[in-house]
Amino acid sequence: MTNNNRSTGKTLLLGFQHVFAMFGATVLVPTLTGLSISATLMFAGLGTLLFHFITKGKVPAFLGSSFAFLGGYFAVAAMPEFAEGTMNWVPYAGVGVACAGLLYVLVSQLFRVFGASKVMRFFPPVVTGPIIIAIGITLANSAVDNCAANWWIALLAVVIVIVFNIWGKGMLKIIPILLGVIGSYAVAAIFGQVDFSKVADAAWIGLPFHWSDTAFSLIGNCNGAVLLSAIIAMVPIALATMMEHIGDMCAISSTVGQNFIEEPGLHRSLLGDGLATTLASLFGAPANTTYGENTGVLALTKVYDPFVVRLAAIIALLFSFSPKVAALISCMPTATIGGVSLILYGMISAVGVRNIVENQVDFTKSRNVIIAALIMSLALGINFSAAGAIAFSIGGVKISLSGLAVASLVGVILNAILPGNDYEFGKNAQGDKSVNFKV
């Protein structure tokens, strides 16, 4: 429903509601990774506005931080070159994510030229499902480590998220992560487990990002081998997030009652998402993705006006210029982060299972068993090995391949060369929407 006669006050309230829906999940990614919270809010806003421009202002989608890239950020940060603290891992990871965003651009043009069904044959659920499962499982140990800081606070966060996710009504059902964070954070503060000194010292107004975190800081001061390894670690994750984007576009189309896959077209929405991700990552912010929480707001309010979402983007942009807001978020207890991420990481793996089940992947076929088996064993085996990656040299340049990178490459190649690939995008409406990394 688009209502040009809606009052300014009501429009503003609807915009804040979209901000409220995306806020908890969006700021959780920089909280987990150490990226700038202010930059995250800034480029969630700018990315959303860029997406709306490219999609001709027709799609009421909000772009926030992508959970799928968490494993990639952790893998880059754990590289031995960054262990001594003399090099900043953030710009290297940013270039890697930027390249993943450019893969969106390439695939969007393939969609435009060849159509969805031909392109999607290379990325069927038998490949993307196991990759998504592996992403969640490789992250799980860090969630448990964070929970160990205070299991009672962590379990409180878990309980709150579950209660509102299962039994919540209206808007409360859409924002369980935010409620879990606020509830456990408040209890921790009451019992004196939060140090608010950073909040008191933070300025009310300031720049959202630091030059040292941007990809441009690497100009004239870059380790080429490390950069290449970071790119290889990040780019394969786009295989999963592109599927998420397609699922979200199907869900938004279904909610609004318009076929956005056809008009403005999947090629435009993928292009907008990819360019927004590239822009954000170049300035030290997390990768972007279309947000299921905001689709839930559309369904709840029955207000489908894209202008309301653009207003939410402007509000997020304004919030990004307050370091005090960022400091308040950064004081979040480790156990709160652990409790919320315990569910989040498990949900990522569960989404991979859902992707396989709802697309009815036939595991009586040997080809499908082999592809899934190799993806899972390579991704997990390499990640949890002593080295944590496969390293080799080409022309004197040392290259490290993460488990996910190797698994993705093997999965795509095997799916392309083994006979029996019968996946066709668009035949299963439920399956097309089964990739969504939001709780």
Protein backbone atom coordinates (compact mmCIF):
# COMPACT_ATOMS: atom_id res chain seq x y z
CA MET A 1 0.00 0.00 0.00
CA THR A 2 1.36 3.39 -0.99
CA ASN A 3 -0.33 6.39 0.57
CA ASN A 4 0.78 9.83 -0.57
CA ASN A 5 -1.77 11.43 1.82
CA ARG A 6 -0.13 9.93 4.91
CA SER A 7 0.81 12.54 7.53
CA THR A 8 4.46 13.48 8.04
CA GLY A 9 4.34 12.26 11.64
CA LYS A 10 3.00 8.85 10.70
CA THR A 11 5.51 8.49 7.88
CA LEU A 12 8.34 9.33 10.29
CA LEU A 13 7.02 6.79 12.81
CA LEU A 14 6.90 4.09 10.13
CA GLY A 15 10.48 4.93 9.16
CA PHE A 16 11.66 4.58 12.77
CA GLN A 17 9.88 1.23 12.95
CA HIS A 18 12.03 -0.07 10.08
CA VAL A 19 15.16 1.25 11.85
CA PHE A 20 14.08 -0.50 15.05
CA ALA A 21 13.59 -3.77 13.15
CA MET A 22 17.02 -3.79 11.53
CA PHE A 23 19.03 -2.26 14.36
CA GLY A 24 19.79 -5.27 16.57
CA ALA A 25 20.95 -7.56 13.79
CA THR A 26 22.82 -4.84 11.90
CA VAL A 27 24.96 -3.69 14.84
CA LEU A 28 25.55 -7.26 16.03
CA VAL A 29 27.87 -7.97 13.09
CA PRO A 30 30.38 -5.17 13.88
CA THR A 31 30.06 -6.02 17.59
CA LEU A 32 31.12 -9.61 16.86
CA THR A 33 33.90 -8.72 14.43
CA GLY A 34 35.30 -5.47 15.83
CA LEU A 35 34.35 -3.43 12.77
CA SER A 36 33.10 0.13 13.22
CA ILE A 37 29.51 0.32 14.45
CA SER A 38 29.15 3.90 13.19
CA ALA A 39 30.46 2.96 9.73
CA THR A 40 28.05 0.02 9.70
CA LEU A 41 25.05 2.27 10.30
CA MET A 42 26.32 4.80 7.77
CA PHE A 43 26.71 2.32 4.95
CA ALA A 44 23.54 0.45 5.80
CA GLY A 45 21.82 3.76 5.10
CA LEU A 46 23.88 4.67 2.03
CA GLY A 47 23.71 1.10 0.71
CA THR A 48 19.93 1.07 1.01
CA LEU A 49 19.66 4.38 -0.85
CA LEU A 50 22.01 3.11 -3.58
CA PHE A 51 19.97 -0.09 -3.90
CA HIS A 52 16.75 1.93 -4.29
CA PHE A 53 18.37 4.11 -6.95
CA ILE A 54 19.50 1.10 -9.00
CA THR A 55 16.14 -0.68 -8.64
CA LYS A 56 14.31 2.46 -9.81
CA GLY A 57 12.85 3.08 -6.34
CA LYS A 58 10.39 0.19 -6.72
CA VAL A 59 11.56 -2.38 -4.15
CA PRO A 60 10.84 -1.66 -0.44
CA ALA A 61 13.99 -3.40 0.81
CA PHE A 62 16.40 -2.36 3.56
CA LEU A 63 20.06 -3.42 3.41
CA GLY A 64 21.85 -4.26 6.67
CA SER A 65 24.87 -6.27 7.82
CA SER A 66 25.26 -9.79 6.44
CA PHE A 67 25.82 -12.58 8.97
CA ALA A 68 27.10 -14.93 6.28
CA PHE A 69 30.46 -13.14 6.05
CA LEU A 70 31.26 -13.56 9.76
CA GLY A 71 33.32 -16.68 9.13
CA GLY A 72 35.31 -14.87 6.47
CA TYR A 73 36.07 -11.93 8.78
CA PHE A 74 37.21 -14.28 11.54
CA ALA A 75 39.36 -16.26 9.09
CA VAL A 76 41.12 -13.13 7.82
CA ALA A 77 41.60 -11.71 11.34
CA ALA A 78 43.18 -15.03 12.41
CA MET A 79 45.86 -14.95 9.69
CA PRO A 80 49.34 -15.14 11.27
CA GLU A 81 50.41 -11.90 9.56
CA PHE A 82 48.03 -9.97 11.83
CA ALA A 83 49.02 -11.76 15.06
CA GLU A 84 51.57 -9.17 16.20
CA GLY A 85 49.22 -6.25 15.67
CA THR A 86 51.56 -4.41 13.31
CA MET A 87 49.13 -4.84 10.42
CA ASN A 88 45.41 -3.99 10.46
CA TRP A 89 43.29 -6.86 9.15
CA VAL A 90 40.18 -4.73 8.50
CA PRO A 91 41.19 -3.15 5.15
CA TYR A 92 42.39 -6.53 3.84
CA ALA A 93 39.07 -8.14 4.73
CA GLY A 94 37.32 -5.12 3.21
CA VAL A 95 39.00 -5.64 -0.16
CA GLY A 96 38.02 -9.30 -0.03
CA VAL A 97 34.37 -8.43 0.61
CA ALA A 98 34.51 -5.75 -2.10
CA CYS A 99 35.56 -8.44 -4.58
CA ALA A 100 32.67 -10.61 -3.36
CA GLY A 101 30.39 -7.66 -4.09
CA LEU A 102 31.84 -7.38 -7.58
CA LEU A 103 30.98 -11.05 -8.10
CA TYR A 104 27.36 -9.96 -7.56
CA VAL A 105 27.85 -7.45 -10.36
CA LEU A 106 29.17 -10.14 -12.70
CA VAL A 107 26.36 -12.59 -11.88
CA SER A 108 23.75 -9.83 -12.23
CA GLN A 109 24.88 -9.27 -15.80
CA LEU A 110 24.77 -13.01 -16.49
CA PHE A 111 21.18 -12.97 -15.24
CA ARG A 112 20.41 -10.07 -17.55
CA VAL A 113 21.93 -11.76 -20.60
CA PHE A 114 21.14 -15.47 -20.06
CA GLY A 115 18.23 -15.51 -17.62
CA ALA A 116 17.94 -16.92 -14.10
CA SER A 117 17.42 -20.62 -14.87
CA LYS A 118 20.65 -21.04 -16.87
CA VAL A 119 22.83 -19.20 -14.35
CA MET A 120 21.33 -20.90 -11.29
CA ARG A 121 22.23 -24.36 -12.63
CA PHE A 122 25.78 -23.60 -11.44
CA PHE A 123 24.59 -22.75 -7.89
CA PRO A 124 21.96 -25.36 -6.96
CA PRO A 125 20.96 -26.15 -3.35
CA VAL A 126 23.16 -29.26 -3.32
CA VAL A 127 26.11 -26.81 -3.46
CA THR A 128 24.83 -23.78 -1.55
CA GLY A 129 23.09 -25.78 1.21
CA PRO A 130 26.21 -27.60 2.50
CA ILE A 131 28.25 -24.38 2.17
CA ILE A 132 25.77 -22.56 4.42
CA ILE A 133 25.77 -25.44 6.92
CA ALA A 134 29.57 -25.28 7.07
CA ILE A 135 29.54 -21.50 7.64
CA GLY A 136 27.43 -21.89 10.78
CA ILE A 137 29.31 -24.87 12.20
CA THR A 138 32.74 -23.25 11.81
CA LEU A 139 31.53 -20.25 13.83
CA ALA A 140 29.94 -22.20 16.69
CA ASN A 141 33.05 -22.60 18.87
CA SER A 142 33.53 -18.82 19.15
CA ALA A 143 29.93 -18.47 20.41
CA VAL A 144 30.56 -21.04 23.16
CA ASP A 145 33.80 -19.29 24.17
CA ASN A 146 31.91 -15.99 24.55
CA CYS A 147 29.13 -17.66 26.55
CA ALA A 148 31.74 -18.97 28.97
CA ALA A 149 32.30 -15.41 30.24
CA ASN A 150 28.98 -15.71 32.11
CA TRP A 151 26.68 -18.56 31.20
CA TRP A 152 23.73 -17.13 33.14
CA ILE A 153 23.74 -13.88 31.12
CA ALA A 154 24.25 -15.86 27.91
CA LEU A 155 21.35 -18.22 28.69
CA LEU A 156 19.12 -15.23 29.51
CA ALA A 157 19.82 -13.84 26.04
CA VAL A 158 19.02 -17.23 24.52
CA VAL A 159 15.73 -17.55 26.43
CA ILE A 160 14.58 -14.04 25.49
CA VAL A 161 15.30 -14.62 21.80
CA ILE A 162 13.46 -17.96 21.83
CA VAL A 163 10.44 -16.64 23.74
CA PHE A 164 9.85 -13.67 21.44
CA ASN A 165 10.68 -15.61 18.29
CA ILE A 166 8.16 -18.35 19.12
CA TRP A 167 5.47 -16.58 21.16
CA GLY A 168 5.98 -12.91 20.36
CA LYS A 169 3.18 -10.91 18.75
CA GLY A 170 3.33 -8.17 16.15
CA MET A 171 6.52 -6.12 16.14
CA LEU A 172 7.96 -8.04 19.11
CA LYS A 173 8.13 -11.21 17.01
CA ILE A 174 10.17 -9.41 14.34
CA ILE A 175 12.96 -8.14 16.64
CA PRO A 176 13.90 -11.07 18.94
CA ILE A 177 17.66 -10.45 18.59
CA LEU A 178 17.32 -6.82 19.64
CA LEU A 179 15.16 -7.80 22.61
CA GLY A 180 17.61 -10.54 23.64
CA VAL A 181 20.49 -8.09 23.53
CA ILE A 182 18.64 -5.36 25.46
CA GLY A 183 17.29 -7.76 28.10
CA SER A 184 20.55 -9.54 28.93
CA TYR A 185 22.55 -6.30 28.59
CA ALA A 186 20.24 -4.61 31.14
CA VAL A 187 20.50 -7.47 33.64
CA ALA A 188 24.31 -7.51 33.29
CA ALA A 189 24.38 -3.75 33.89
CA ILE A 190 22.16 -4.05 36.99
CA PHE A 191 24.59 -6.59 38.47
CA GLY A 192 27.57 -4.33 37.76
CA GLN A 193 29.09 -6.34 34.91
CA VAL A 194 29.20 -3.49 32.38
CA ASP A 195 31.80 -0.70 32.25
CA PHE A 196 30.16 2.45 30.86
CA SER A 197 33.29 4.63 31.02
CA LYS A 198 33.66 4.51 27.23
CA VAL A 199 30.15 5.91 26.85
CA ALA A 200 30.89 8.82 29.16
CA ASP A 201 34.10 9.64 27.29
CA ALA A 202 32.60 9.37 23.78
CA ALA A 203 31.62 12.49 21.86
CA TRP A 204 28.04 13.08 20.77
CA ILE A 205 29.05 13.85 17.17
CA GLY A 206 31.95 12.48 15.12
CA LEU A 207 33.01 10.89 11.83
CA PRO A 208 31.61 7.36 11.30
CA PHE A 209 34.79 5.67 10.04
CA HIS A 210 38.57 5.76 10.44
CA TRP A 211 40.94 6.09 7.48
CA SER A 212 43.09 3.21 8.77
CA ASP A 213 40.11 0.84 8.35
CA THR A 214 39.44 1.77 4.73
CA ALA A 215 40.77 -0.15 1.76
CA PHE A 216 42.38 3.07 0.53
CA SER A 217 44.81 2.95 3.46
CA LEU A 218 46.52 0.00 1.72
CA ILE A 219 47.65 2.15 -1.21
CA GLY A 220 51.47 2.09 -1.17
CA ASN A 221 51.45 -0.06 1.98
CA CYS A 222 50.00 -3.43 1.03
CA ASN A 223 51.11 -7.04 1.44
CA GLY A 224 50.03 -8.57 -1.88
CA ALA A 225 50.09 -12.18 -0.72
CA VAL A 226 47.94 -11.45 2.33
CA LEU A 227 45.53 -9.42 0.22
CA LEU A 228 45.14 -12.26 -2.27
CA SER A 229 44.51 -14.73 0.56
CA ALA A 230 41.87 -12.42 2.04
CA ILE A 231 40.13 -12.13 -1.33
CA ILE A 232 40.11 -15.91 -1.77
CA ALA A 233 38.70 -16.33 1.75
CA MET A 234 35.84 -13.89 1.18
CA VAL A 235 34.68 -14.31 -2.43
CA PRO A 236 33.20 -17.85 -2.14
CA ILE A 237 30.81 -16.65 0.59
CA ALA A 238 29.01 -14.67 -2.11
CA LEU A 239 27.69 -18.00 -3.46
CA ALA A 240 25.58 -18.29 -0.31
CA THR A 241 24.64 -14.63 0.03
CA MET A 242 23.49 -14.35 -3.58
CA MET A 243 21.09 -17.19 -2.89
CA GLU A 244 19.94 -15.32 0.21
CA HIS A 245 19.33 -12.23 -1.89
CA ILE A 246 17.23 -14.19 -4.38
CA GLY A 247 15.23 -15.73 -1.55
CA ASP A 248 14.65 -12.33 0.04
CA MET A 249 13.51 -10.86 -3.29
CA CYS A 250 11.03 -13.71 -3.67
CA ALA A 251 9.80 -13.10 -0.12
CA ILE A 252 9.39 -9.35 -0.67
CA SER A 253 7.57 -9.98 -3.95
CA SER A 254 5.22 -12.38 -2.20
CA THR A 255 4.61 -9.95 0.69
CA VAL A 256 3.94 -6.91 -1.49
CA GLY A 257 2.11 -8.76 -4.24
CA GLN A 258 4.38 -7.55 -7.05
CA ASN A 259 6.88 -9.60 -9.04
CA PHE A 260 10.14 -7.77 -8.37
CA ILE A 261 12.04 -10.69 -9.94
CA GLU A 262 10.62 -9.53 -13.29
CA GLU A 263 10.44 -5.76 -12.67
CA PRO A 264 12.75 -4.06 -11.92
CA GLY A 265 14.44 -7.43 -12.37
CA LEU A 266 16.76 -9.70 -10.44
CA HIS A 267 19.71 -8.33 -12.40
CA ARG A 268 19.05 -4.84 -11.00
CA SER A 269 18.50 -5.97 -7.40
CA LEU A 270 21.64 -8.13 -7.43
CA LEU A 271 23.59 -5.24 -8.91
CA GLY A 272 22.32 -2.90 -6.19
CA ASP A 273 23.12 -5.36 -3.41
CA GLY A 274 26.60 -6.06 -4.81
CA LEU A 275 27.53 -2.40 -5.27
CA ALA A 276 26.21 -1.56 -1.79
CA THR A 277 28.39 -4.35 -0.34
CA THR A 278 31.45 -3.15 -2.25
CA LEU A 279 30.92 0.46 -1.18
CA ALA A 280 30.51 -0.49 2.49
CA SER A 281 33.51 -2.80 2.61
CA LEU A 282 35.86 -0.24 1.04
CA PHE A 283 35.20 2.02 4.05
CA GLY A 284 35.57 -0.64 6.74
CA ALA A 285 31.89 -1.53 7.14
CA PRO A 286 30.42 -5.07 6.90
CA ALA A 287 28.95 -6.58 3.76
CA ASN A 288 25.32 -5.66 3.14
CA THR A 289 22.33 -7.84 2.42
CA THR A 290 18.58 -7.37 2.01
CA TYR A 291 16.95 -7.72 5.43
CA GLY A 292 14.23 -10.22 6.27
CA GLU A 293 13.33 -8.29 9.44
CA ASN A 294 12.17 -5.35 7.35
CA THR A 295 10.17 -7.64 5.09
CA GLY A 296 8.43 -8.72 8.30
CA VAL A 297 7.61 -5.07 9.02
CA LEU A 298 6.06 -4.79 5.55
CA ALA A 299 3.86 -7.79 6.28
CA LEU A 300 2.94 -6.43 9.70
CA THR A 301 2.03 -2.86 8.68
CA LYS A 302 0.76 -3.52 5.13
CA VAL A 303 2.58 -0.29 4.16
CA TYR A 304 4.72 -1.11 1.13
CA ASP A 305 5.82 2.40 0.20
CA PRO A 306 9.57 2.32 -0.67
CA PHE A 307 9.83 5.95 0.49
CA VAL A 308 9.29 4.80 4.09
CA VAL A 309 12.27 2.44 3.79
CA ARG A 310 14.38 5.23 2.27
CA LEU A 311 13.43 7.39 5.25
CA ALA A 312 14.68 4.62 7.57
CA ALA A 313 17.96 4.64 5.63
CA ILE A 314 18.34 8.37 6.21
CA ILE A 315 17.66 7.92 9.95
CA ALA A 316 20.34 5.18 10.16
CA LEU A 317 22.72 7.51 8.33
CA LEU A 318 22.11 10.26 10.90
CA PHE A 319 22.65 7.82 13.80
CA SER A 320 26.05 6.91 12.36
CA PHE A 321 27.46 10.34 13.27
CA SER A 322 27.10 9.71 17.04
CA PRO A 323 30.14 7.98 18.61
CA LYS A 324 28.23 7.87 21.91
CA VAL A 325 25.67 5.50 20.37
CA ALA A 326 28.50 3.33 19.06
CA ALA A 327 30.19 3.32 22.48
CA LEU A 328 26.98 2.23 24.20
CA ILE A 329 26.74 -0.72 21.82
CA SER A 330 30.43 -1.61 22.14
CA CYS A 331 30.02 -1.98 25.93
CA MET A 332 27.79 -4.99 25.37
CA PRO A 333 28.85 -7.90 27.66
CA THR A 334 30.77 -10.74 26.04
CA ALA A 335 28.25 -13.24 27.40
CA THR A 336 25.37 -11.36 25.77
CA ILE A 337 27.17 -11.58 22.45
CA GLY A 338 27.80 -15.27 23.05
CA GLY A 339 24.19 -16.08 23.87
CA VAL A 340 22.79 -14.30 20.84
CA SER A 341 25.44 -15.67 18.48
CA LEU A 342 24.90 -19.20 19.83
CA ILE A 343 21.44 -19.10 18.28
CA LEU A 344 22.53 -17.07 15.28
CA TYR A 345 25.33 -19.41 14.18
CA GLY A 346 23.15 -22.45 14.68
CA MET A 347 20.42 -20.76 12.66
CA ILE A 348 22.85 -20.24 9.78
CA SER A 349 23.49 -23.99 9.62
CA ALA A 350 19.76 -24.67 10.00
CA VAL A 351 19.11 -22.40 7.01
CA GLY A 352 21.45 -24.60 4.98
CA VAL A 353 19.48 -27.68 6.01
CA ARG A 354 16.23 -25.89 5.14
CA ASN A 355 17.64 -24.95 1.74
CA ILE A 356 18.35 -28.62 1.00
CA VAL A 357 15.05 -29.95 2.37
CA GLU A 358 12.69 -27.43 0.78
CA ASN A 359 14.35 -27.84 -2.60
CA GLN A 360 13.96 -31.60 -2.21
CA VAL A 361 17.58 -32.42 -3.02
CA ASP A 362 17.66 -36.11 -3.92
CA PHE A 363 20.36 -37.84 -1.87
CA THR A 364 19.61 -41.20 -3.42
CA LYS A 365 21.71 -39.87 -6.31
CA SER A 366 25.41 -40.58 -5.83
CA ARG A 367 26.43 -37.27 -7.47
CA ASN A 368 24.55 -35.26 -4.85
CA VAL A 369 25.97 -37.30 -1.96
CA ILE A 370 29.52 -36.88 -3.28
CA ILE A 371 29.16 -33.12 -3.80
CA ALA A 372 27.65 -32.50 -0.34
CA ALA A 373 30.12 -34.84 1.37
CA LEU A 374 33.20 -33.20 -0.12
CA ILE A 375 31.94 -29.68 0.59
CA MET A 376 31.27 -30.49 4.25
CA SER A 377 34.45 -32.51 4.88
CA LEU A 378 36.74 -30.01 3.16
CA ALA A 379 35.19 -26.92 4.74
CA LEU A 380 35.21 -28.30 8.28
CA GLY A 381 38.33 -30.47 8.04
CA ILE A 382 40.57 -27.69 6.74
CA ASN A 383 39.10 -25.05 9.07
CA PHE A 384 39.68 -27.13 12.21
CA SER A 385 43.06 -28.50 11.11
CA ALA A 386 46.26 -27.31 12.80
CA ALA A 387 47.03 -24.88 9.95
CA GLY A 388 43.43 -23.73 9.49
CA ALA A 389 44.01 -23.30 5.74
CA ILE A 390 45.78 -24.79 2.74
CA ALA A 391 48.86 -22.73 1.90
CA PHE A 392 50.98 -22.91 -1.25
CA SER A 393 53.17 -20.64 -3.32
CA ILE A 394 52.83 -19.48 -6.92
CA GLY A 395 55.70 -17.48 -8.36
CA GLY A 396 57.03 -16.77 -4.89
CA VAL A 397 53.65 -15.51 -3.66
CA LYS A 398 52.22 -17.44 -0.71
CA ILE A 399 48.48 -18.07 -1.01
CA SER A 400 46.23 -19.41 1.76
CA LEU A 401 42.91 -21.04 0.92
CA SER A 402 40.35 -21.31 3.72
CA GLY A 403 38.29 -24.46 4.09
CA LEU A 404 35.21 -22.67 2.81
CA ALA A 405 37.07 -21.42 -0.28
CA VAL A 406 38.32 -24.90 -1.16
CA ALA A 407 34.92 -26.47 -0.48
CA SER A 408 33.05 -23.90 -2.57
CA LEU A 409 35.43 -24.30 -5.49
CA VAL A 410 35.22 -28.09 -5.39
CA GLY A 411 31.42 -28.03 -5.05
CA VAL A 412 30.84 -25.70 -8.01
CA ILE A 413 33.27 -27.63 -10.25
CA LEU A 414 31.87 -31.06 -9.36
CA ASN A 415 28.30 -29.88 -9.88
CA ALA A 416 29.27 -28.56 -13.32
CA ILE A 417 31.06 -31.69 -14.55
CA LEU A 418 29.11 -34.56 -12.94
CA PRO A 419 26.06 -35.71 -14.92
CA GLY A 420 22.56 -35.42 -13.51
CA ASN A 421 22.27 -31.72 -12.65
CA ASP A 422 18.49 -31.31 -12.88
CA TYR A 423 18.01 -28.18 -10.74
CA GLU A 424 15.86 -25.47 -12.31
CA PHE A 425 15.34 -22.15 -10.56
CA GLY A 426 11.73 -20.96 -10.37
CA LYS A 427 10.01 -24.35 -10.22
CA ASN A 428 9.77 -24.40 -6.41
CA ALA A 429 8.50 -21.10 -4.99
CA GLN A 430 9.02 -22.25 -1.38
CA GLY A 431 12.52 -23.50 -2.10
CA ASP A 432 13.48 -20.24 -3.80
CA LYS A 433 12.76 -18.41 -0.52
CA SER A 434 14.48 -20.88 1.79
CA VAL A 435 17.78 -19.03 2.19
CA ASN A 436 17.47 -16.35 4.86
CA PHE A 437 20.13 -15.86 7.54
CA LYS A 438 17.88 -13.86 9.91
CA VAL A 439 16.43 -15.14 13.17
